[in-house]
Amino acid sequence: MSTDTATLKPESFDGQEADSVGNPSNIQESLRASGSHAARAAEELRAAAEAKAKELGTMMGEKASEFRDKAGDMYDDAKVQLKALQKDTEEYVRANPIKAVLIAVGAGFVIGSLARR
């Protein structure tokens, strides 16, 4: 059974003959549908990126707030420790005035010697 290939026409999915060259209106409609699909996909991608950016912005704000709170707590702790050190130093100087003066003179001598070099 010999078949002439020039007389064969491809069939579409619904069993009807399809135009092998393509109908210009079908091509245009296919292009419009593809463009419409691409536009919808781009819009969905833009919306998803915008939502993610907002989410990241919120997370960064929360982290910044946490760091600010921790820094404030550390500052307060350091301030309390410094006041305690100052109080302890004053008490030591009052209890040992001669020793404190000699320590201060010795420290001044060492710092002065180092500063000359």
Protein backbone atom coordinates (compact mmCIF):
# COMPACT_ATOMS: atom_id res chain seq x y z
CA MET A 1 0.00 0.00 0.00
CA SER A 2 1.77 3.07 -1.28
CA THR A 3 0.86 6.46 0.12
CA ASP A 4 1.72 9.76 -1.42
CA THR A 5 3.18 11.95 1.34
CA ALA A 6 2.20 15.14 -0.42
CA THR A 7 -1.48 14.31 -0.07
CA LEU A 8 -1.29 13.54 3.67
CA LYS A 9 -2.46 16.23 6.01
CA PRO A 10 -1.67 16.20 9.72
CA GLU A 11 -4.57 15.76 12.08
CA SER A 12 -5.17 17.91 15.13
CA PHE A 13 -5.94 16.47 18.55
CA ASP A 14 -9.68 16.46 17.98
CA GLY A 15 -9.34 14.37 14.82
CA GLN A 16 -9.92 17.18 12.34
CA GLU A 17 -7.42 18.11 9.69
CA ALA A 18 -4.92 20.77 10.75
CA ASP A 19 -3.33 23.35 8.51
CA SER A 20 0.36 22.41 8.19
CA VAL A 21 1.43 26.01 7.44
CA GLY A 22 -0.67 27.49 10.21
CA ASN A 23 -3.57 29.87 10.06
CA PRO A 24 -2.40 33.45 10.72
CA SER A 25 -5.36 34.15 12.99
CA ASN A 26 -4.58 31.02 15.03
CA ILE A 27 -0.95 32.07 15.31
CA GLN A 28 -1.94 35.57 16.41
CA GLU A 29 -4.36 34.18 18.95
CA SER A 30 -1.70 31.77 20.21
CA LEU A 31 0.76 34.65 20.53
CA ARG A 32 -1.82 36.77 22.36
CA ALA A 33 -2.56 33.89 24.72
CA SER A 34 1.17 33.36 25.32
CA GLY A 35 1.65 37.09 25.93
CA SER A 36 -1.31 37.14 28.28
CA HIS A 37 0.05 34.12 30.14
CA ALA A 38 3.49 35.73 30.37
CA ALA A 39 1.94 38.97 31.67
CA ARG A 40 -0.01 37.05 34.35
CA ALA A 41 3.13 35.13 35.32
CA ALA A 42 5.13 38.37 35.54
CA GLU A 43 2.42 39.98 37.68
CA GLU A 44 2.34 36.97 40.00
CA LEU A 45 6.13 37.04 40.26
CA ARG A 46 6.08 40.79 41.02
CA ALA A 47 3.42 40.29 43.70
CA ALA A 48 5.37 37.41 45.26
CA ALA A 49 8.59 39.45 45.26
CA GLU A 50 6.78 42.42 46.80
CA ALA A 51 5.30 40.22 49.53
CA LYS A 52 8.70 38.68 50.26
CA ALA A 53 10.31 42.14 50.39
CA LYS A 54 7.67 43.28 52.90
CA GLU A 55 8.23 40.13 54.96
CA LEU A 56 12.00 40.65 54.97
CA GLY A 57 11.53 44.32 55.88
CA THR A 58 9.38 43.34 58.84
CA MET A 59 11.91 40.73 59.95
CA MET A 60 14.76 43.23 59.67
CA GLY A 61 12.81 45.76 61.73
CA GLU A 62 12.18 43.17 64.42
CA LYS A 63 15.86 42.17 64.51
CA ALA A 64 16.93 45.81 64.67
CA SER A 65 14.57 46.33 67.59
CA GLU A 66 16.00 43.26 69.35
CA PHE A 67 19.57 44.51 68.85
CA ARG A 68 18.64 47.99 70.10
CA ASP A 69 17.05 46.48 73.21
CA LYS A 70 20.10 44.28 73.84
CA ALA A 71 22.47 47.21 73.33
CA GLY A 72 20.41 49.29 75.76
CA ASP A 73 20.52 46.50 78.33
CA MET A 74 24.30 46.13 77.90
CA TYR A 75 24.75 49.89 78.28
CA ASP A 76 22.68 49.90 81.46
CA ASP A 77 24.67 46.95 82.85
CA ALA A 78 27.99 48.65 82.05
CA LYS A 79 26.78 51.86 83.69
CA VAL A 80 25.83 49.96 86.87
CA GLN A 81 29.19 48.16 86.91
CA LEU A 82 31.09 51.43 86.42
CA LYS A 83 29.22 53.07 89.29
CA ALA A 84 30.01 50.06 91.50
CA LEU A 85 33.70 50.28 90.53
CA GLN A 86 33.72 54.01 91.31
CA LYS A 87 32.13 53.38 94.69
CA ASP A 88 34.62 50.59 95.51
CA THR A 89 37.55 52.81 94.49
CA GLU A 90 36.33 55.69 96.68
CA GLU A 91 35.95 53.34 99.62
CA TYR A 92 39.47 51.95 99.09
CA VAL A 93 40.99 55.45 98.88
CA ARG A 94 39.20 56.50 102.09
CA ALA A 95 40.34 53.34 103.88
CA ASN A 96 43.95 53.50 102.57
CA PRO A 97 44.81 57.12 101.68
CA ILE A 98 48.62 56.81 101.83
CA LYS A 99 48.65 53.60 99.81
CA ALA A 100 46.31 55.15 97.23
CA VAL A 101 48.55 58.23 96.86
CA LEU A 102 51.66 56.05 96.43
CA ILE A 103 49.88 53.92 93.78
CA ALA A 104 48.83 57.10 91.95
CA VAL A 105 52.40 58.49 92.05
CA GLY A 106 53.81 55.19 90.77
CA ALA A 107 51.24 55.00 87.96
CA GLY A 108 51.99 58.60 86.99
CA PHE A 109 55.73 57.86 86.92
CA VAL A 110 55.25 54.82 84.66
CA ILE A 111 52.91 56.67 82.29
CA GLY A 112 55.29 59.65 82.17
CA SER A 113 58.26 57.36 81.37
CA LEU A 114 56.33 55.67 78.58
CA ALA A 115 55.14 58.98 77.16
CA ARG A 116 58.71 60.31 76.78
CA ARG A 117 59.70 57.45 74.47
